[in-house]
């Protein structure tokens, strides 16, 4: 997940000129600007949610017992 975040964050900056050639819809914003302004942040939030879901599944107590042992 960290590698995905690094790839999105730094990849959008590294390929900004190439991404600027792609335009998004009728409002004319470029993909490079969108990724730098919002896309990397949204991807980070998706990664945080995925991490929380995976950690909840891995740390769930087995057999329905309470986590505090009581």
PDB file of N, CA and C in Angstrom:
ATOM      1  N   UNK A   1       0.820  -1.181   0.000  1.00  0.00           N
ATOM      2  CA  UNK A   1       0.000   0.000   0.000  1.00  0.00           C
ATOM      3  C   UNK A   1       0.869   1.252   0.000  1.00  0.00           C
ATOM      4  N   UNK A   2       1.978   1.177   0.712  1.00  0.00           N
ATOM      5  CA  UNK A   2       2.890   2.313   0.731  1.00  0.00           C
ATOM      6  C   UNK A   2       3.482   2.557  -0.653  1.00  0.00           C
ATOM      7  N   UNK A   3       3.815   1.497  -1.348  1.00  0.00           N
ATOM      8  CA  UNK A   3       4.347   1.648  -2.703  1.00  0.00           C
ATOM      9  C   UNK A   3       3.317   2.248  -3.654  1.00  0.00           C
ATOM     10  N   UNK A   4       2.058   1.882  -3.481  1.00  0.00           N
ATOM     11  CA  UNK A   4       1.003   2.468  -4.297  1.00  0.00           C
ATOM     12  C   UNK A   4       0.881   3.962  -4.028  1.00  0.00           C
ATOM     13  N   UNK A   5       0.927   4.356  -2.757  1.00  0.00           N
ATOM     14  CA  UNK A   5       0.844   5.765  -2.410  1.00  0.00           C
ATOM     15  C   UNK A   5       2.036   6.545  -2.966  1.00  0.00           C
ATOM     16  N   UNK A   6       3.235   5.989  -2.842  1.00  0.00           N
ATOM     17  CA  UNK A   6       4.431   6.645  -3.376  1.00  0.00           C
ATOM     18  C   UNK A   6       4.329   6.777  -4.893  1.00  0.00           C
ATOM     19  N   UNK A   7       3.860   5.730  -5.555  1.00  0.00           N
ATOM     20  CA  UNK A   7       3.736   5.769  -7.010  1.00  0.00           C
ATOM     21  C   UNK A   7       2.743   6.845  -7.453  1.00  0.00           C
ATOM     22  N   UNK A   8       1.627   6.963  -6.763  1.00  0.00           N
ATOM     23  CA  UNK A   8       0.635   7.976  -7.133  1.00  0.00           C
ATOM     24  C   UNK A   8       1.146   9.375  -6.797  1.00  0.00           C
ATOM     25  N   UNK A   9       1.725   9.549  -5.622  1.00  0.00           N
ATOM     26  CA  UNK A   9       2.176  10.874  -5.194  1.00  0.00           C
ATOM     27  C   UNK A   9       3.323  11.395  -6.047  1.00  0.00           C
ATOM     28  N   UNK A  10       4.375  10.601  -6.162  1.00  0.00           N
ATOM     29  CA  UNK A  10       5.541  11.056  -6.897  1.00  0.00           C
ATOM     30  C   UNK A  10       5.419  10.819  -8.393  1.00  0.00           C
ATOM     31  N   UNK A  11       4.651   9.825  -8.780  1.00  0.00           N
ATOM     32  CA  UNK A  11       4.443   9.561 -10.204  1.00  0.00           C
ATOM     33  C   UNK A  11       3.701  10.691 -10.888  1.00  0.00           C
ATOM     34  N   UNK A  12       2.714  11.268 -10.188  1.00  0.00           N
ATOM     35  CA  UNK A  12       1.972  12.381 -10.798  1.00  0.00           C
ATOM     36  C   UNK A  12       2.873  13.605 -10.963  1.00  0.00           C
ATOM     37  N   UNK A  13       3.816  13.813 -10.065  1.00  0.00           N
ATOM     38  CA  UNK A  13       4.754  14.932 -10.219  1.00  0.00           C
ATOM     39  C   UNK A  13       5.782  14.637 -11.304  1.00  0.00           C
ATOM     40  N   UNK A  14       6.265  13.406 -11.351  1.00  0.00           N
ATOM     41  CA  UNK A  14       7.290  13.038 -12.321  1.00  0.00           C
ATOM     42  C   UNK A  14       6.745  13.080 -13.748  1.00  0.00           C
ATOM     43  N   UNK A  15       5.512  12.645 -13.931  1.00  0.00           N
ATOM     44  CA  UNK A  15       4.898  12.609 -15.255  1.00  0.00           C
ATOM     45  C   UNK A  15       3.921  13.760 -15.470  1.00  0.00           C
ATOM     46  N   UNK A  16       4.111  14.884 -14.788  1.00  0.00           N
ATOM     47  CA  UNK A  16       3.162  15.995 -14.864  1.00  0.00           C
ATOM     48  C   UNK A  16       2.998  16.527 -16.278  1.00  0.00           C
ATOM     49  N   UNK A  17       4.078  16.651 -17.013  1.00  0.00           N
ATOM     50  CA  UNK A  17       3.973  17.172 -18.388  1.00  0.00           C
ATOM     51  C   UNK A  17       3.215  16.210 -19.288  1.00  0.00           C
ATOM     52  N   UNK A  18       3.458  14.926 -19.116  1.00  0.00           N
ATOM     53  CA  UNK A  18       2.737  13.943 -19.924  1.00  0.00           C
ATOM     54  C   UNK A  18       1.254  13.900 -19.544  1.00  0.00           C
ATOM     55  N   UNK A  19       0.966  14.003 -18.245  1.00  0.00           N
ATOM     56  CA  UNK A  19      -0.418  13.967 -17.785  1.00  0.00           C
ATOM     57  C   UNK A  19      -1.174  15.243 -18.163  1.00  0.00           C
ATOM     58  N   UNK A  20      -0.453  16.350 -18.359  1.00  0.00           N
ATOM     59  CA  UNK A  20      -1.107  17.612 -18.718  1.00  0.00           C
ATOM     60  C   UNK A  20      -1.734  17.544 -20.110  1.00  0.00           C
ATOM     61  N   UNK A  21      -1.271  16.615 -20.933  1.00  0.00           N
ATOM     62  CA  UNK A  21      -1.827  16.478 -22.281  1.00  0.00           C
ATOM     63  C   UNK A  21      -3.223  15.859 -22.243  1.00  0.00           C
ATOM     64  N   UNK A  22      -3.562  15.162 -21.180  1.00  0.00           N
ATOM     65  CA  UNK A  22      -4.879  14.540 -21.054  1.00  0.00           C
ATOM     66  C   UNK A  22      -5.824  15.518 -20.395  1.00  0.00           C
ATOM     67  N   UNK A  23      -6.979  15.730 -20.996  1.00  0.00           N
ATOM     68  CA  UNK A  23      -7.965  16.651 -20.438  1.00  0.00           C
ATOM     69  C   UNK A  23      -9.174  15.878 -19.939  1.00  0.00           C
ATOM     70  N   UNK A  24      -9.732  16.370 -18.856  1.00  0.00           N
ATOM     71  CA  UNK A  24     -10.857  15.703 -18.208  1.00  0.00           C
ATOM     72  C   UNK A  24     -12.164  16.402 -18.540  1.00  0.00           C
ATOM     73  N   UNK A  25     -12.957  15.765 -19.311  1.00  0.00           N
ATOM     74  CA  UNK A  25     -14.322  16.204 -19.553  1.00  0.00           C
ATOM     75  C   UNK A  25     -14.475  17.599 -20.117  1.00  0.00           C
ATOM     76  N   UNK A  26     -15.692  18.117 -20.023  1.00  0.00           N
ATOM     77  CA  UNK A  26     -16.011  19.403 -20.637  1.00  0.00           C
ATOM     78  C   UNK A  26     -15.432  20.614 -19.910  1.00  0.00           C
ATOM     79  N   UNK A  27     -15.044  20.468 -18.643  1.00  0.00           N
ATOM     80  CA  UNK A  27     -14.514  21.617 -17.907  1.00  0.00           C
ATOM     81  C   UNK A  27     -13.069  21.904 -18.265  1.00  0.00           C
ATOM     82  N   UNK A  28     -12.386  21.006 -18.968  1.00  0.00           N
ATOM     83  CA  UNK A  28     -11.067  21.281 -19.532  1.00  0.00           C
ATOM     84  C   UNK A  28      -9.907  21.189 -18.575  1.00  0.00           C
ATOM     85  N   UNK A  29     -10.100  20.652 -17.392  1.00  0.00           N
ATOM     86  CA  UNK A  29      -8.980  20.488 -16.474  1.00  0.00           C
ATOM     87  C   UNK A  29      -8.059  19.382 -16.948  1.00  0.00           C
ATOM     88  N   UNK A  30      -6.771  19.549 -16.717  1.00  0.00           N
ATOM     89  CA  UNK A  30      -5.832  18.520 -17.153  1.00  0.00           C
ATOM     90  C   UNK A  30      -5.676  17.459 -16.068  1.00  0.00           C
ATOM     91  N   UNK A  31      -5.340  16.268 -16.495  1.00  0.00           N
ATOM     92  CA  UNK A  31      -5.175  15.159 -15.559  1.00  0.00           C
ATOM     93  C   UNK A  31      -4.014  15.409 -14.609  1.00  0.00           C
ATOM     94  N   UNK A  32      -2.963  16.052 -15.088  1.00  0.00           N
ATOM     95  CA  UNK A  32      -1.812  16.361 -14.225  1.00  0.00           C
ATOM     96  C   UNK A  32      -2.189  17.273 -13.072  1.00  0.00           C
ATOM     97  N   UNK A  33      -2.967  18.295 -13.365  1.00  0.00           N
ATOM     98  CA  UNK A  33      -3.411  19.210 -12.311  1.00  0.00           C
ATOM     99  C   UNK A  33      -4.335  18.490 -11.330  1.00  0.00           C
ATOM    100  N   UNK A  34      -5.270  17.688 -11.852  1.00  0.00           N
ATOM    101  CA  UNK A  34      -6.211  16.991 -10.984  1.00  0.00           C
ATOM    102  C   UNK A  34      -5.493  16.012 -10.063  1.00  0.00           C
ATOM    103  N   UNK A  35      -4.520  15.271 -10.594  1.00  0.00           N
ATOM    104  CA  UNK A  35      -3.786  14.308  -9.769  1.00  0.00           C
ATOM    105  C   UNK A  35      -2.981  15.016  -8.693  1.00  0.00           C
ATOM    106  N   UNK A  36      -2.368  16.152  -9.038  1.00  0.00           N
ATOM    107  CA  UNK A  36      -1.580  16.885  -8.044  1.00  0.00           C
ATOM    108  C   UNK A  36      -2.478  17.529  -6.992  1.00  0.00           C
ATOM    109  N   UNK A  37      -3.632  18.040  -7.414  1.00  0.00           N
ATOM    110  CA  UNK A  37      -4.491  18.759  -6.486  1.00  0.00           C
ATOM    111  C   UNK A  37      -5.374  17.846  -5.652  1.00  0.00           C
ATOM    112  N   UNK A  38      -5.921  16.780  -6.250  1.00  0.00           N
ATOM    113  CA  UNK A  38      -6.907  15.980  -5.543  1.00  0.00           C
ATOM    114  C   UNK A  38      -6.655  14.485  -5.625  1.00  0.00           C
ATOM    115  N   UNK A  39      -6.163  14.019  -6.730  1.00  0.00           N
ATOM    116  CA  UNK A  39      -6.042  12.584  -6.943  1.00  0.00           C
ATOM    117  C   UNK A  39      -5.140  11.884  -5.943  1.00  0.00           C
ATOM    118  N   UNK A  40      -3.983  12.483  -5.645  1.00  0.00           N
ATOM    119  CA  UNK A  40      -3.062  11.861  -4.701  1.00  0.00           C
ATOM    120  C   UNK A  40      -3.655  11.836  -3.297  1.00  0.00           C
ATOM    121  N   UNK A  41      -4.370  12.886  -2.922  1.00  0.00           N
ATOM    122  CA  UNK A  41      -4.998  12.930  -1.599  1.00  0.00           C
ATOM    123  C   UNK A  41      -6.115  11.894  -1.506  1.00  0.00           C
ATOM    124  N   UNK A  42      -6.927  11.789  -2.556  1.00  0.00           N
ATOM    125  CA  UNK A  42      -8.000  10.795  -2.553  1.00  0.00           C
ATOM    126  C   UNK A  42      -7.433   9.377  -2.515  1.00  0.00           C
ATOM    127  N   UNK A  43      -6.349   9.139  -3.241  1.00  0.00           N
ATOM    128  CA  UNK A  43      -5.722   7.812  -3.209  1.00  0.00           C
ATOM    129  C   UNK A  43      -5.185   7.514  -1.813  1.00  0.00           C
ATOM    130  N   UNK A  44      -4.617   8.514  -1.145  1.00  0.00           N
ATOM    131  CA  UNK A  44      -4.139   8.319   0.219  1.00  0.00           C
ATOM    132  C   UNK A  44      -5.290   7.940   1.147  1.00  0.00           C
ATOM    133  N   UNK A  45      -6.445   8.585   1.002  1.00  0.00           N
ATOM    134  CA  UNK A  45      -7.601   8.251   1.832  1.00  0.00           C
ATOM    135  C   UNK A  45      -8.107   6.840   1.553  1.00  0.00           C
ATOM    136  N   UNK A  46      -8.097   6.433   0.290  1.00  0.00           N
ATOM    137  CA  UNK A  46      -8.497   5.065  -0.062  1.00  0.00           C
ATOM    138  C   UNK A  46      -7.540   4.061   0.569  1.00  0.00           C
ATOM    139  N   UNK A  47      -6.250   4.360   0.547  1.00  0.00           N
ATOM    140  CA  UNK A  47      -5.263   3.459   1.143  1.00  0.00           C
ATOM    141  C   UNK A  47      -5.448   3.375   2.653  1.00  0.00           C
ATOM    142  N   UNK A  48      -5.759   4.495   3.308  1.00  0.00           N
ATOM    143  CA  UNK A  48      -5.986   4.486   4.759  1.00  0.00           C
ATOM    144  C   UNK A  48      -7.199   3.621   5.097  1.00  0.00           C
ATOM    145  N   UNK A  49      -8.280   3.750   4.334  1.00  0.00           N
ATOM    146  CA  UNK A  49      -9.481   2.943   4.581  1.00  0.00           C
ATOM    147  C   UNK A  49      -9.177   1.464   4.350  1.00  0.00           C
ATOM    148  N   UNK A  50      -8.470   1.140   3.267  1.00  0.00           N
ATOM    149  CA  UNK A  50      -8.107  -0.255   3.014  1.00  0.00           C
ATOM    150  C   UNK A  50      -7.229  -0.813   4.126  1.00  0.00           C
ATOM    151  N   UNK A  51      -6.292  -0.010   4.608  1.00  0.00           N
ATOM    152  CA  UNK A  51      -5.427  -0.450   5.695  1.00  0.00           C
ATOM    153  C   UNK A  51      -6.242  -0.721   6.961  1.00  0.00           C
ATOM    154  N   UNK A  52      -7.199   0.139   7.264  1.00  0.00           N
ATOM    155  CA  UNK A  52      -8.043  -0.064   8.443  1.00  0.00           C
ATOM    156  C   UNK A  52      -8.864  -1.343   8.311  1.00  0.00           C
ATOM    157  N   UNK A  53      -9.415  -1.598   7.136  1.00  0.00           N
ATOM    158  CA  UNK A  53     -10.197  -2.815   6.929  1.00  0.00           C
ATOM    159  C   UNK A  53      -9.337  -4.067   7.062  1.00  0.00           C
ATOM    160  N   UNK A  54      -8.158  -4.042   6.474  1.00  0.00           N
ATOM    161  CA  UNK A  54      -7.266  -5.207   6.552  1.00  0.00           C
ATOM    162  C   UNK A  54      -6.817  -5.439   7.990  1.00  0.00           C
ATOM    163  N   UNK A  55      -6.441  -4.370   8.704  1.00  0.00           N
ATOM    164  CA  UNK A  55      -5.993  -4.531  10.081  1.00  0.00           C
ATOM    165  C   UNK A  55      -7.114  -5.004  10.991  1.00  0.00           C
ATOM    166  N   UNK A  56      -8.339  -4.541  10.781  1.00  0.00           N
ATOM    167  CA  UNK A  56      -9.471  -5.028  11.574  1.00  0.00           C
ATOM    168  C   UNK A  56      -9.694  -6.512  11.350  1.00  0.00           C
ATOM    169  N   UNK A  57      -9.543  -6.953  10.117  1.00  0.00           N
ATOM    170  CA  UNK A  57      -9.723  -8.372   9.817  1.00  0.00           C
ATOM    171  C   UNK A  57      -8.601  -9.209  10.433  1.00  0.00           C
ATOM    172  N   UNK A  58      -7.364  -8.715  10.365  1.00  0.00           N
ATOM    173  CA  UNK A  58      -6.237  -9.473  10.914  1.00  0.00           C
ATOM    174  C   UNK A  58      -6.239  -9.505  12.440  1.00  0.00           C
ATOM    175  N   UNK A  59      -6.723  -8.451  13.068  1.00  0.00           N
ATOM    176  CA  UNK A  59      -6.698  -8.374  14.533  1.00  0.00           C
ATOM    177  C   UNK A  59      -7.992  -8.828  15.188  1.00  0.00           C
ATOM    178  N   UNK A  60      -8.950  -9.271  14.416  1.00  0.00           N
ATOM    179  CA  UNK A  60     -10.223  -9.723  14.977  1.00  0.00           C
ATOM    180  C   UNK A  60     -10.005 -10.968  15.828  1.00  0.00           C
ATOM    181  N   UNK A  61     -10.611 -10.988  17.018  1.00  0.00           N
ATOM    182  CA  UNK A  61     -10.470 -12.177  17.856  1.00  0.00           C
ATOM    183  C   UNK A  61     -11.196 -13.366  17.237  1.00  0.00           C
ATOM    184  N   UNK A  62     -10.592 -14.530  17.359  1.00  0.00           N
ATOM    185  CA  UNK A  62     -11.207 -15.731  16.798  1.00  0.00           C
ATOM    186  C   UNK A  62     -12.162 -16.360  17.803  1.00  0.00           C
ATOM    187  N   UNK A  63     -13.242 -16.910  17.338  1.00  0.00           N
ATOM    188  CA  UNK A  63     -14.185 -17.623  18.197  1.00  0.00           C
ATOM    189  C   UNK A  63     -15.142 -16.733  18.939  1.00  0.00           C
ATOM    190  N   UNK A  64     -15.172 -15.437  18.672  1.00  0.00           N
ATOM    191  CA  UNK A  64     -16.122 -14.539  19.301  1.00  0.00           C
ATOM    192  C   UNK A  64     -15.800 -14.182  20.735  1.00  0.00           C
ATOM    193  N   UNK A  65     -14.594 -14.486  21.215  1.00  0.00           N
ATOM    194  CA  UNK A  65     -14.226 -14.144  22.580  1.00  0.00           C
ATOM    195  C   UNK A  65     -13.892 -12.662  22.677  1.00  0.00           C
ATOM    196  N   UNK A  66     -14.024 -12.115  23.870  1.00  0.00           N
ATOM    197  CA  UNK A  66     -13.711 -10.704  24.088  1.00  0.00           C
ATOM    198  C   UNK A  66     -12.189 -10.512  23.988  1.00  0.00           C
ATOM    199  N   UNK A  67     -11.788  -9.362  23.491  1.00  0.00           N
ATOM    200  CA  UNK A  67     -10.380  -9.081  23.273  1.00  0.00           C
ATOM    201  C   UNK A  67      -9.634  -8.849  24.612  1.00  0.00           C
ATOM    202  N   UNK A  68     -10.356  -8.465  25.677  1.00  0.00           N
ATOM    203  CA  UNK A  68      -9.691  -8.193  26.945  1.00  0.00           C
ATOM    204  C   UNK A  68      -9.475  -9.439  27.783  1.00  0.00           C
ATOM    205  N   UNK A  69      -9.919 -10.580  27.285  1.00  0.00           N
ATOM    206  CA  UNK A  69      -9.670 -11.844  27.981  1.00  0.00           C
ATOM    207  C   UNK A  69     -10.666 -12.134  29.091  1.00  0.00           C
ATOM    208  N   UNK A  70     -11.672 -11.317  29.294  1.00  0.00           N
ATOM    209  CA  UNK A  70     -12.567 -11.503  30.412  1.00  0.00           C
ATOM    210  C   UNK A  70     -13.873 -11.988  29.975  1.00  0.00           C
TER     211      UNK A  70
END
